[in-house]
Amino acid sequence: MHSIRRVSSIASSGSGSIPIILNFVGNQELVLSCQAPEIGQAKETISIKEFKGEPFSIPFNPFYLLDPLKEMEKEDVILEFINPSTKGNPCLITEGTNFVYVLMPIKNQ
């Protein structure tokens, strides 16, 4: 959550909706990035416990991405992508069986 806030500070500085890109590059690494044309860019790499599947990138509104994380009680969360290679498929964010949040990615511009 802290990494998302740091990287998305670029998005809150500008006008309009600037996505944060989640780039799953390896089985234990996630790169968060955000770029605002007149402000600059931010990038941060965080460790993840496990990633299954092929590497991919997906854009989200950073404010909607933070919403479920604020409500969760555990530090570990699960992001489940249903066929991420197909544009517009949702992400399910869970922390077990008691909490499920559906998040739609931003369409590529």
PDB file of N, CA and C in Angstrom:
ATOM      1  N   MET A   1       0.827  -1.175   0.000  1.00  0.00           N
ATOM      2  CA  MET A   1       0.000   0.000   0.000  1.00  0.00           C
ATOM      3  C   MET A   1       0.883   1.255   0.000  1.00  0.00           C
ATOM      4  N   HIS A   2       1.961   1.243   0.770  1.00  0.00           N
ATOM      5  CA  HIS A   2       2.847   2.397   0.820  1.00  0.00           C
ATOM      6  C   HIS A   2       3.530   2.631  -0.528  1.00  0.00           C
ATOM      7  N   SER A   3       3.907   1.556  -1.195  1.00  0.00           N
ATOM      8  CA  SER A   3       4.548   1.682  -2.506  1.00  0.00           C
ATOM      9  C   SER A   3       3.584   2.279  -3.526  1.00  0.00           C
ATOM     10  N   ILE A   4       2.344   1.843  -3.495  1.00  0.00           N
ATOM     11  CA  ILE A   4       1.334   2.382  -4.413  1.00  0.00           C
ATOM     12  C   ILE A   4       1.150   3.876  -4.159  1.00  0.00           C
ATOM     13  N   ARG A   5       1.099   4.262  -2.902  1.00  0.00           N
ATOM     14  CA  ARG A   5       0.955   5.687  -2.569  1.00  0.00           C
ATOM     15  C   ARG A   5       2.142   6.508  -3.078  1.00  0.00           C
ATOM     16  N   ARG A   6       3.348   5.991  -2.875  1.00  0.00           N
ATOM     17  CA  ARG A   6       4.529   6.733  -3.310  1.00  0.00           C
ATOM     18  C   ARG A   6       4.548   6.907  -4.831  1.00  0.00           C
ATOM     19  N   VAL A   7       4.318   5.814  -5.536  1.00  0.00           N
ATOM     20  CA  VAL A   7       4.366   5.873  -6.996  1.00  0.00           C
ATOM     21  C   VAL A   7       3.211   6.711  -7.549  1.00  0.00           C
ATOM     22  N   SER A   8       2.046   6.600  -6.956  1.00  0.00           N
ATOM     23  CA  SER A   8       0.886   7.323  -7.477  1.00  0.00           C
ATOM     24  C   SER A   8       0.872   8.793  -7.081  1.00  0.00           C
ATOM     25  N   SER A   9       1.847   9.247  -6.293  1.00  0.00           N
ATOM     26  CA  SER A   9       1.901  10.674  -5.974  1.00  0.00           C
ATOM     27  C   SER A   9       2.043  11.498  -7.248  1.00  0.00           C
ATOM     28  N   ILE A  10       2.617  10.925  -8.282  1.00  0.00           N
ATOM     29  CA  ILE A  10       2.699  11.571  -9.598  1.00  0.00           C
ATOM     30  C   ILE A  10       1.289  11.773 -10.150  1.00  0.00           C
ATOM     31  N   ALA A  11       0.429  10.780  -9.977  1.00  0.00           N
ATOM     32  CA  ALA A  11      -0.931  10.853 -10.518  1.00  0.00           C
ATOM     33  C   ALA A  11      -1.753  11.927  -9.823  1.00  0.00           C
ATOM     34  N   SER A  12      -1.561  12.103  -8.532  1.00  0.00           N
ATOM     35  CA  SER A  12      -2.353  13.083  -7.804  1.00  0.00           C
ATOM     36  C   SER A  12      -1.840  14.501  -8.024  1.00  0.00           C
ATOM     37  N   SER A  13      -0.645  14.647  -8.557  1.00  0.00           N
ATOM     38  CA  SER A  13      -0.086  15.973  -8.822  1.00  0.00           C
ATOM     39  C   SER A  13      -0.629  16.581 -10.101  1.00  0.00           C
ATOM     40  N   GLY A  14      -1.012  15.750 -11.043  1.00  0.00           N
ATOM     41  CA  GLY A  14      -1.463  16.242 -12.335  1.00  0.00           C
ATOM     42  C   GLY A  14      -2.973  16.306 -12.430  1.00  0.00           C
ATOM     43  N   SER A  15      -3.433  16.546 -13.620  1.00  0.00           N
ATOM     44  CA  SER A  15      -4.876  16.578 -13.851  1.00  0.00           C
ATOM     45  C   SER A  15      -5.275  15.343 -14.652  1.00  0.00           C
ATOM     46  N   GLY A  16      -6.494  14.924 -14.480  1.00  0.00           N
ATOM     47  CA  GLY A  16      -6.983  13.766 -15.205  1.00  0.00           C
ATOM     48  C   GLY A  16      -6.626  12.466 -14.510  1.00  0.00           C
ATOM     49  N   SER A  17      -6.924  11.381 -15.172  1.00  0.00           N
ATOM     50  CA  SER A  17      -6.702  10.054 -14.614  1.00  0.00           C
ATOM     51  C   SER A  17      -5.408   9.465 -15.169  1.00  0.00           C
ATOM     52  N   ILE A  18      -4.399   9.393 -14.333  1.00  0.00           N
ATOM     53  CA  ILE A  18      -3.119   8.822 -14.732  1.00  0.00           C
ATOM     54  C   ILE A  18      -2.998   7.455 -14.080  1.00  0.00           C
ATOM     55  N   PRO A  19      -2.896   6.404 -14.883  1.00  0.00           N
ATOM     56  CA  PRO A  19      -2.869   5.056 -14.307  1.00  0.00           C
ATOM     57  C   PRO A  19      -1.544   4.710 -13.653  1.00  0.00           C
ATOM     58  N   ILE A  20      -1.620   3.793 -12.721  1.00  0.00           N
ATOM     59  CA  ILE A  20      -0.433   3.155 -12.183  1.00  0.00           C
ATOM     60  C   ILE A  20      -0.352   1.800 -12.886  1.00  0.00           C
ATOM     61  N   ILE A  21       0.827   1.462 -13.363  1.00  0.00           N
ATOM     62  CA  ILE A  21       1.015   0.212 -14.107  1.00  0.00           C
ATOM     63  C   ILE A  21       1.602  -0.834 -13.165  1.00  0.00           C
ATOM     64  N   LEU A  22       0.927  -1.971 -13.079  1.00  0.00           N
ATOM     65  CA  LEU A  22       1.468  -3.118 -12.352  1.00  0.00           C
ATOM     66  C   LEU A  22       2.136  -4.001 -13.392  1.00  0.00           C
ATOM     67  N   ASN A  23       3.424  -4.201 -13.240  1.00  0.00           N
ATOM     68  CA  ASN A  23       4.185  -4.999 -14.188  1.00  0.00           C
ATOM     69  C   ASN A  23       4.749  -6.215 -13.454  1.00  0.00           C
ATOM     70  N   PHE A  24       4.129  -7.355 -13.690  1.00  0.00           N
ATOM     71  CA  PHE A  24       4.571  -8.604 -13.074  1.00  0.00           C
ATOM     72  C   PHE A  24       5.691  -9.160 -13.946  1.00  0.00           C
ATOM     73  N   VAL A  25       6.932  -9.039 -13.474  1.00  0.00           N
ATOM     74  CA  VAL A  25       8.091  -9.385 -14.295  1.00  0.00           C
ATOM     75  C   VAL A  25       8.725 -10.720 -13.930  1.00  0.00           C
ATOM     76  N   GLY A  26       8.430 -11.245 -12.784  1.00  0.00           N
ATOM     77  CA  GLY A  26       9.035 -12.504 -12.364  1.00  0.00           C
ATOM     78  C   GLY A  26       8.198 -13.136 -11.274  1.00  0.00           C
ATOM     79  N   ASN A  27       8.629 -14.307 -10.835  1.00  0.00           N
ATOM     80  CA  ASN A  27       7.807 -15.018  -9.865  1.00  0.00           C
ATOM     81  C   ASN A  27       7.831 -14.391  -8.475  1.00  0.00           C
ATOM     82  N   GLN A  28       8.738 -13.437  -8.206  1.00  0.00           N
ATOM     83  CA  GLN A  28       8.754 -12.791  -6.893  1.00  0.00           C
ATOM     84  C   GLN A  28       9.013 -11.295  -6.982  1.00  0.00           C
ATOM     85  N   GLU A  29       8.616 -10.682  -8.111  1.00  0.00           N
ATOM     86  CA  GLU A  29       8.891  -9.264  -8.287  1.00  0.00           C
ATOM     87  C   GLU A  29       7.747  -8.565  -9.017  1.00  0.00           C
ATOM     88  N   LEU A  30       7.362  -7.413  -8.489  1.00  0.00           N
ATOM     89  CA  LEU A  30       6.323  -6.581  -9.082  1.00  0.00           C
ATOM     90  C   LEU A  30       6.878  -5.166  -9.197  1.00  0.00           C
ATOM     91  N   VAL A  31       6.797  -4.593 -10.395  1.00  0.00           N
ATOM     92  CA  VAL A  31       7.260  -3.228 -10.616  1.00  0.00           C
ATOM     93  C   VAL A  31       6.032  -2.333 -10.757  1.00  0.00           C
ATOM     94  N   LEU A  32       5.952  -1.310  -9.905  1.00  0.00           N
ATOM     95  CA  LEU A  32       4.879  -0.320  -9.968  1.00  0.00           C
ATOM     96  C   LEU A  32       5.445   0.915 -10.655  1.00  0.00           C
ATOM     97  N   SER A  33       4.704   1.468 -11.613  1.00  0.00           N
ATOM     98  CA  SER A  33       5.194   2.672 -12.278  1.00  0.00           C
ATOM     99  C   SER A  33       4.035   3.585 -12.646  1.00  0.00           C
ATOM    100  N   CYS A  34       4.365   4.860 -12.743  1.00  0.00           N
ATOM    101  CA  CYS A  34       3.377   5.877 -13.105  1.00  0.00           C
ATOM    102  C   CYS A  34       4.140   6.980 -13.823  1.00  0.00           C
ATOM    103  N   GLN A  35       3.524   7.532 -14.883  1.00  0.00           N
ATOM    104  CA  GLN A  35       4.192   8.572 -15.639  1.00  0.00           C
ATOM    105  C   GLN A  35       3.195   9.665 -16.005  1.00  0.00           C
ATOM    106  N   ALA A  36       3.536  10.901 -15.642  1.00  0.00           N
ATOM    107  CA  ALA A  36       2.745  12.068 -15.990  1.00  0.00           C
ATOM    108  C   ALA A  36       3.572  12.919 -16.936  1.00  0.00           C
ATOM    109  N   PRO A  37       3.072  13.226 -18.119  1.00  0.00           N
ATOM    110  CA  PRO A  37       3.867  13.892 -19.146  1.00  0.00           C
ATOM    111  C   PRO A  37       4.597  15.159 -18.692  1.00  0.00           C
ATOM    112  N   GLU A  38       3.950  16.040 -17.961  1.00  0.00           N
ATOM    113  CA  GLU A  38       4.578  17.310 -17.596  1.00  0.00           C
ATOM    114  C   GLU A  38       5.197  17.306 -16.199  1.00  0.00           C
ATOM    115  N   ILE A  39       5.037  16.202 -15.474  1.00  0.00           N
ATOM    116  CA  ILE A  39       5.513  16.152 -14.091  1.00  0.00           C
ATOM    117  C   ILE A  39       6.733  15.254 -13.942  1.00  0.00           C
ATOM    118  N   GLY A  40       6.653  14.073 -14.520  1.00  0.00           N
ATOM    119  CA  GLY A  40       7.761  13.134 -14.403  1.00  0.00           C
ATOM    120  C   GLY A  40       7.248  11.712 -14.281  1.00  0.00           C
ATOM    121  N   GLN A  41       8.083  10.864 -13.739  1.00  0.00           N
ATOM    122  CA  GLN A  41       7.705   9.458 -13.583  1.00  0.00           C
ATOM    123  C   GLN A  41       8.192   8.929 -12.247  1.00  0.00           C
ATOM    124  N   ALA A  42       7.551   7.859 -11.812  1.00  0.00           N
ATOM    125  CA  ALA A  42       7.949   7.184 -10.576  1.00  0.00           C
ATOM    126  C   ALA A  42       7.908   5.689 -10.830  1.00  0.00           C
ATOM    127  N   LYS A  43       8.840   4.981 -10.200  1.00  0.00           N
ATOM    128  CA  LYS A  43       8.918   3.532 -10.373  1.00  0.00           C
ATOM    129  C   LYS A  43       9.438   2.934  -9.082  1.00  0.00           C
ATOM    130  N   GLU A  44       8.835   1.824  -8.684  1.00  0.00           N
ATOM    131  CA  GLU A  44       9.283   1.130  -7.483  1.00  0.00           C
ATOM    132  C   GLU A  44       9.087  -0.367  -7.674  1.00  0.00           C
ATOM    133  N   THR A  45      10.069  -1.135  -7.247  1.00  0.00           N
ATOM    134  CA  THR A  45      10.005  -2.591  -7.324  1.00  0.00           C
ATOM    135  C   THR A  45       9.762  -3.141  -5.930  1.00  0.00           C
ATOM    136  N   ILE A  46       8.789  -4.045  -5.833  1.00  0.00           N
ATOM    137  CA  ILE A  46       8.505  -4.676  -4.550  1.00  0.00           C
ATOM    138  C   ILE A  46       8.573  -6.193  -4.701  1.00  0.00           C
ATOM    139  N   SER A  47       8.876  -6.854  -3.606  1.00  0.00           N
ATOM    140  CA  SER A  47       8.917  -8.312  -3.575  1.00  0.00           C
ATOM    141  C   SER A  47       7.520  -8.848  -3.328  1.00  0.00           C
ATOM    142  N   ILE A  48       7.195  -9.918  -4.017  1.00  0.00           N
ATOM    143  CA  ILE A  48       5.925 -10.605  -3.788  1.00  0.00           C
ATOM    144  C   ILE A  48       6.235 -12.056  -3.442  1.00  0.00           C
ATOM    145  N   LYS A  49       5.302 -12.688  -2.748  1.00  0.00           N
ATOM    146  CA  LYS A  49       5.562 -14.063  -2.308  1.00  0.00           C
ATOM    147  C   LYS A  49       5.524 -15.052  -3.451  1.00  0.00           C
ATOM    148  N   GLU A  50       4.565 -14.868  -4.369  1.00  0.00           N
ATOM    149  CA  GLU A  50       4.435 -15.851  -5.442  1.00  0.00           C
ATOM    150  C   GLU A  50       3.664 -15.245  -6.606  1.00  0.00           C
ATOM    151  N   PHE A  51       4.084 -15.582  -7.802  1.00  0.00           N
ATOM    152  CA  PHE A  51       3.381 -15.193  -9.014  1.00  0.00           C
ATOM    153  C   PHE A  51       3.346 -16.396  -9.928  1.00  0.00           C
ATOM    154  N   LYS A  52       2.169 -16.729 -10.416  1.00  0.00           N
ATOM    155  CA  LYS A  52       2.014 -17.853 -11.339  1.00  0.00           C
ATOM    156  C   LYS A  52       1.524 -17.305 -12.670  1.00  0.00           C
ATOM    157  N   GLY A  53       2.147 -17.731 -13.741  1.00  0.00           N
ATOM    158  CA  GLY A  53       1.719 -17.298 -15.062  1.00  0.00           C
ATOM    159  C   GLY A  53       2.817 -16.575 -15.806  1.00  0.00           C
ATOM    160  N   GLU A  54       2.457 -16.082 -16.980  1.00  0.00           N
ATOM    161  CA  GLU A  54       3.386 -15.350 -17.833  1.00  0.00           C
ATOM    162  C   GLU A  54       3.471 -13.893 -17.382  1.00  0.00           C
ATOM    163  N   PRO A  55       4.640 -13.251 -17.517  1.00  0.00           N
ATOM    164  CA  PRO A  55       4.763 -11.832 -17.172  1.00  0.00           C
ATOM    165  C   PRO A  55       3.776 -10.979 -17.973  1.00  0.00           C
ATOM    166  N   PHE A  56       3.236  -9.945 -17.339  1.00  0.00           N
ATOM    167  CA  PHE A  56       2.317  -9.030 -18.013  1.00  0.00           C
ATOM    168  C   PHE A  56       2.263  -7.705 -17.258  1.00  0.00           C
ATOM    169  N   SER A  57       1.721  -6.695 -17.924  1.00  0.00           N
ATOM    170  CA  SER A  57       1.519  -5.377 -17.331  1.00  0.00           C
ATOM    171  C   SER A  57       0.047  -5.026 -17.432  1.00  0.00           C
ATOM    172  N   ILE A  58      -0.452  -4.298 -16.430  1.00  0.00           N
ATOM    173  CA  ILE A  58      -1.854  -3.921 -16.436  1.00  0.00           C
ATOM    174  C   ILE A  58      -2.028  -2.577 -15.720  1.00  0.00           C
ATOM    175  N   PRO A  59      -2.795  -1.638 -16.331  1.00  0.00           N
ATOM    176  CA  PRO A  59      -2.969  -0.311 -15.734  1.00  0.00           C
ATOM    177  C   PRO A  59      -4.216  -0.229 -14.851  1.00  0.00           C
ATOM    178  N   PHE A  60      -4.092   0.457 -13.724  1.00  0.00           N
ATOM    179  CA  PHE A  60      -5.225   0.665 -12.823  1.00  0.00           C
ATOM    180  C   PHE A  60      -5.260   2.114 -12.362  1.00  0.00           C
ATOM    181  N   ASN A  61      -6.438   2.575 -12.018  1.00  0.00           N
ATOM    182  CA  ASN A  61      -6.575   3.853 -11.339  1.00  0.00           C
ATOM    183  C   ASN A  61      -5.994   3.643  -9.944  1.00  0.00           C
ATOM    184  N   PRO A  62      -4.971   4.398  -9.553  1.00  0.00           N
ATOM    185  CA  PRO A  62      -4.318   4.140  -8.268  1.00  0.00           C
ATOM    186  C   PRO A  62      -5.237   4.338  -7.066  1.00  0.00           C
ATOM    187  N   PHE A  63      -6.198   5.235  -7.189  1.00  0.00           N
ATOM    188  CA  PHE A  63      -7.089   5.506  -6.065  1.00  0.00           C
ATOM    189  C   PHE A  63      -8.051   4.340  -5.840  1.00  0.00           C
ATOM    190  N   TYR A  64      -8.512   3.710  -6.929  1.00  0.00           N
ATOM    191  CA  TYR A  64      -9.368   2.541  -6.795  1.00  0.00           C
ATOM    192  C   TYR A  64      -8.573   1.324  -6.326  1.00  0.00           C
ATOM    193  N   LEU A  65      -7.302   1.275  -6.679  1.00  0.00           N
ATOM    194  CA  LEU A  65      -6.439   0.182  -6.235  1.00  0.00           C
ATOM    195  C   LEU A  65      -6.180   0.263  -4.736  1.00  0.00           C
ATOM    196  N   LEU A  66      -6.094   1.473  -4.200  1.00  0.00           N
ATOM    197  CA  LEU A  66      -5.860   1.653  -2.761  1.00  0.00           C
ATOM    198  C   LEU A  66      -7.106   1.390  -1.916  1.00  0.00           C
ATOM    199  N   ASP A  67      -8.286   1.622  -2.465  1.00  0.00           N
ATOM    200  CA  ASP A  67      -9.526   1.477  -1.693  1.00  0.00           C
ATOM    201  C   ASP A  67      -9.651   0.145  -0.958  1.00  0.00           C
ATOM    202  N   PRO A  68      -9.500  -0.997  -1.626  1.00  0.00           N
ATOM    203  CA  PRO A  68      -9.651  -2.255  -0.885  1.00  0.00           C
ATOM    204  C   PRO A  68      -8.521  -2.494   0.114  1.00  0.00           C
ATOM    205  N   LEU A  69      -7.324  -2.015  -0.213  1.00  0.00           N
ATOM    206  CA  LEU A  69      -6.182  -2.240   0.675  1.00  0.00           C
ATOM    207  C   LEU A  69      -6.355  -1.515   2.008  1.00  0.00           C
ATOM    208  N   LYS A  70      -7.045  -0.395   1.992  1.00  0.00           N
ATOM    209  CA  LYS A  70      -7.304   0.359   3.221  1.00  0.00           C
ATOM    210  C   LYS A  70      -8.219  -0.415   4.171  1.00  0.00           C
ATOM    211  N   GLU A  71      -9.087  -1.249   3.614  1.00  0.00           N
ATOM    212  CA  GLU A  71     -10.077  -1.969   4.411  1.00  0.00           C
ATOM    213  C   GLU A  71      -9.599  -3.335   4.903  1.00  0.00           C
ATOM    214  N   MET A  72      -8.524  -3.829   4.360  1.00  0.00           N
ATOM    215  CA  MET A  72      -8.045  -5.165   4.709  1.00  0.00           C
ATOM    216  C   MET A  72      -7.309  -5.145   6.033  1.00  0.00           C
ATOM    217  N   GLU A  73      -7.449  -6.241   6.760  1.00  0.00           N
ATOM    218  CA  GLU A  73      -6.820  -6.353   8.072  1.00  0.00           C
ATOM    219  C   GLU A  73      -5.473  -7.056   8.012  1.00  0.00           C
ATOM    220  N   LYS A  74      -5.259  -7.887   7.002  1.00  0.00           N
ATOM    221  CA  LYS A  74      -4.014  -8.643   6.885  1.00  0.00           C
ATOM    222  C   LYS A  74      -3.045  -7.930   5.959  1.00  0.00           C
ATOM    223  N   GLU A  75      -1.762  -8.235   6.125  1.00  0.00           N
ATOM    224  CA  GLU A  75      -0.741  -7.674   5.241  1.00  0.00           C
ATOM    225  C   GLU A  75      -0.696  -8.386   3.901  1.00  0.00           C
ATOM    226  N   ASP A  76      -0.995  -9.678   3.893  1.00  0.00           N
ATOM    227  CA  ASP A  76      -0.935 -10.462   2.664  1.00  0.00           C
ATOM    228  C   ASP A  76      -2.280 -10.416   1.950  1.00  0.00           C
ATOM    229  N   VAL A  77      -2.233 -10.043   0.680  1.00  0.00           N
ATOM    230  CA  VAL A  77      -3.437 -10.029  -0.142  1.00  0.00           C
ATOM    231  C   VAL A  77      -3.171 -10.842  -1.407  1.00  0.00           C
ATOM    232  N   ILE A  78      -4.229 -11.270  -2.039  1.00  0.00           N
ATOM    233  CA  ILE A  78      -4.131 -12.056  -3.269  1.00  0.00           C
ATOM    234  C   ILE A  78      -4.756 -11.251  -4.394  1.00  0.00           C
ATOM    235  N   LEU A  79      -3.995 -11.075  -5.474  1.00  0.00           N
ATOM    236  CA  LEU A  79      -4.516 -10.467  -6.690  1.00  0.00           C
ATOM    237  C   LEU A  79      -4.692 -11.593  -7.702  1.00  0.00           C
ATOM    238  N   GLU A  80      -5.909 -11.784  -8.149  1.00  0.00           N
ATOM    239  CA  GLU A  80      -6.189 -12.851  -9.107  1.00  0.00           C
ATOM    240  C   GLU A  80      -6.677 -12.224 -10.406  1.00  0.00           C
ATOM    241  N   PHE A  81      -5.961 -12.505 -11.480  1.00  0.00           N
ATOM    242  CA  PHE A  81      -6.311 -11.968 -12.786  1.00  0.00           C
ATOM    243  C   PHE A  81      -6.890 -13.070 -13.645  1.00  0.00           C
ATOM    244  N   ILE A  82      -8.017 -12.794 -14.240  1.00  0.00           N
ATOM    245  CA  ILE A  82      -8.680 -13.756 -15.106  1.00  0.00           C
ATOM    246  C   ILE A  82      -8.283 -13.422 -16.538  1.00  0.00           C
ATOM    247  N   ASN A  83      -7.400 -14.210 -17.110  1.00  0.00           N
ATOM    248  CA  ASN A  83      -6.898 -14.024 -18.461  1.00  0.00           C
ATOM    249  C   ASN A  83      -6.407 -12.594 -18.682  1.00  0.00           C
ATOM    250  N   PRO A  84      -5.288 -12.209 -18.058  1.00  0.00           N
ATOM    251  CA  PRO A  84      -4.798 -10.826 -18.142  1.00  0.00           C
ATOM    252  C   PRO A  84      -4.385 -10.382 -19.537  1.00  0.00           C
ATOM    253  N   SER A  85      -4.170 -11.323 -20.451  1.00  0.00           N
ATOM    254  CA  SER A  85      -3.782 -10.938 -21.806  1.00  0.00           C
ATOM    255  C   SER A  85      -4.959 -10.349 -22.585  1.00  0.00           C
ATOM    256  N   THR A  86      -6.181 -10.613 -22.126  1.00  0.00           N
ATOM    257  CA  THR A  86      -7.366 -10.039 -22.749  1.00  0.00           C
ATOM    258  C   THR A  86      -7.682  -8.727 -22.060  1.00  0.00           C
ATOM    259  N   LYS A  87      -7.713  -7.639 -22.815  1.00  0.00           N
ATOM    260  CA  LYS A  87      -7.928  -6.306 -22.244  1.00  0.00           C
ATOM    261  C   LYS A  87      -9.306  -6.209 -21.583  1.00  0.00           C
ATOM    262  N   GLY A  88      -9.348  -5.545 -20.437  1.00  0.00           N
ATOM    263  CA  GLY A  88     -10.613  -5.266 -19.777  1.00  0.00           C
ATOM    264  C   GLY A  88     -11.101  -6.319 -18.807  1.00  0.00           C
ATOM    265  N   ASN A  89     -10.320  -7.376 -18.589  1.00  0.00           N
ATOM    266  CA  ASN A  89     -10.738  -8.394 -17.627  1.00  0.00           C
ATOM    267  C   ASN A  89     -10.446  -7.924 -16.201  1.00  0.00           C
ATOM    268  N   PRO A  90     -11.324  -8.258 -15.261  1.00  0.00           N
ATOM    269  CA  PRO A  90     -11.169  -7.751 -13.894  1.00  0.00           C
ATOM    270  C   PRO A  90     -10.065  -8.435 -13.102  1.00  0.00           C
ATOM    271  N   CYS A  91      -9.704  -7.774 -12.016  1.00  0.00           N
ATOM    272  CA  CYS A  91      -8.782  -8.312 -11.027  1.00  0.00           C
ATOM    273  C   CYS A  91      -9.587  -8.538  -9.751  1.00  0.00           C
ATOM    274  N   LEU A  92      -9.447  -9.695  -9.148  1.00  0.00           N
ATOM    275  CA  LEU A  92     -10.090  -9.976  -7.869  1.00  0.00           C
ATOM    276  C   LEU A  92      -9.047  -9.805  -6.774  1.00  0.00           C
ATOM    277  N   ILE A  93      -9.359  -8.978  -5.792  1.00  0.00           N
ATOM    278  CA  ILE A  93      -8.452  -8.743  -4.679  1.00  0.00           C
ATOM    279  C   ILE A  93      -9.076  -9.356  -3.443  1.00  0.00           C
ATOM    280  N   THR A  94      -8.363 -10.305  -2.816  1.00  0.00           N
ATOM    281  CA  THR A  94      -8.894 -11.000  -1.642  1.00  0.00           C
ATOM    282  C   THR A  94      -7.830 -11.074  -0.556  1.00  0.00           C
ATOM    283  N   GLU A  95      -8.281 -11.320   0.668  1.00  0.00           N
ATOM    284  CA  GLU A  95      -7.360 -11.603   1.771  1.00  0.00           C
ATOM    285  C   GLU A  95      -7.785 -12.874   2.486  1.00  0.00           C
ATOM    286  N   GLY A  96      -8.451 -13.734   1.784  1.00  0.00           N
ATOM    287  CA  GLY A  96      -8.965 -14.966   2.358  1.00  0.00           C
ATOM    288  C   GLY A  96     -10.376 -15.172   1.842  1.00  0.00           C
ATOM    289  N   THR A  97     -11.228 -15.697   2.681  1.00  0.00           N
ATOM    290  CA  THR A  97     -12.594 -15.980   2.248  1.00  0.00           C
ATOM    291  C   THR A  97     -13.603 -14.910   2.649  1.00  0.00           C
ATOM    292  N   ASN A  98     -13.207 -13.949   3.471  1.00  0.00           N
ATOM    293  CA  ASN A  98     -14.163 -12.968   3.980  1.00  0.00           C
ATOM    294  C   ASN A  98     -14.197 -11.654   3.211  1.00  0.00           C
ATOM    295  N   PHE A  99     -13.317 -11.456   2.260  1.00  0.00           N
ATOM    296  CA  PHE A  99     -13.247 -10.177   1.570  1.00  0.00           C
ATOM    297  C   PHE A  99     -12.902 -10.405   0.106  1.00  0.00           C
ATOM    298  N   VAL A 100     -13.729  -9.884  -0.796  1.00  0.00           N
ATOM    299  CA  VAL A 100     -13.456  -9.947  -2.232  1.00  0.00           C
ATOM    300  C   VAL A 100     -13.782  -8.574  -2.822  1.00  0.00           C
ATOM    301  N   TYR A 101     -12.871  -8.040  -3.612  1.00  0.00           N
ATOM    302  CA  TYR A 101     -13.046  -6.743  -4.255  1.00  0.00           C
ATOM    303  C   TYR A 101     -12.761  -6.943  -5.738  1.00  0.00           C
ATOM    304  N   VAL A 102     -13.640  -6.457  -6.589  1.00  0.00           N
ATOM    305  CA  VAL A 102     -13.456  -6.576  -8.037  1.00  0.00           C
ATOM    306  C   VAL A 102     -12.980  -5.227  -8.560  1.00  0.00           C
ATOM    307  N   LEU A 103     -11.860  -5.234  -9.267  1.00  0.00           N
ATOM    308  CA  LEU A 103     -11.275  -4.008  -9.792  1.00  0.00           C
ATOM    309  C   LEU A 103     -11.071  -4.150 -11.297  1.00  0.00           C
ATOM    310  N   MET A 104     -11.576  -3.181 -12.031  1.00  0.00           N
ATOM    311  CA  MET A 104     -11.422  -3.184 -13.476  1.00  0.00           C
ATOM    312  C   MET A 104     -10.202  -2.352 -13.866  1.00  0.00           C
ATOM    313  N   PRO A 105      -9.419  -2.845 -14.834  1.00  0.00           N
ATOM    314  CA  PRO A 105      -8.269  -2.055 -15.279  1.00  0.00           C
ATOM    315  C   PRO A 105      -8.718  -0.878 -16.140  1.00  0.00           C
ATOM    316  N   ILE A 106      -7.815   0.078 -16.302  1.00  0.00           N
ATOM    317  CA  ILE A 106      -8.068   1.207 -17.185  1.00  0.00           C
ATOM    318  C   ILE A 106      -7.776   0.754 -18.607  1.00  0.00           C
ATOM    319  N   LYS A 107      -8.621   1.168 -19.532  1.00  0.00           N
ATOM    320  CA  LYS A 107      -8.373   0.833 -20.942  1.00  0.00           C
ATOM    321  C   LYS A 107      -7.134   1.576 -21.407  1.00  0.00           C
ATOM    322  N   ASN A 108      -6.347   0.912 -22.250  1.00  0.00           N
ATOM    323  CA  ASN A 108      -5.152   1.567 -22.809  1.00  0.00           C
ATOM    324  C   ASN A 108      -5.574   2.753 -23.643  1.00  0.00           C
ATOM    325  N   GLN A 109      -4.814   3.825 -23.499  1.00  0.00           N
ATOM    326  CA  GLN A 109      -5.188   5.062 -24.184  1.00  0.00           C
ATOM    327  C   GLN A 109      -4.505   5.205 -25.505  1.00  0.00           C
TER     328      GLN A 109
END
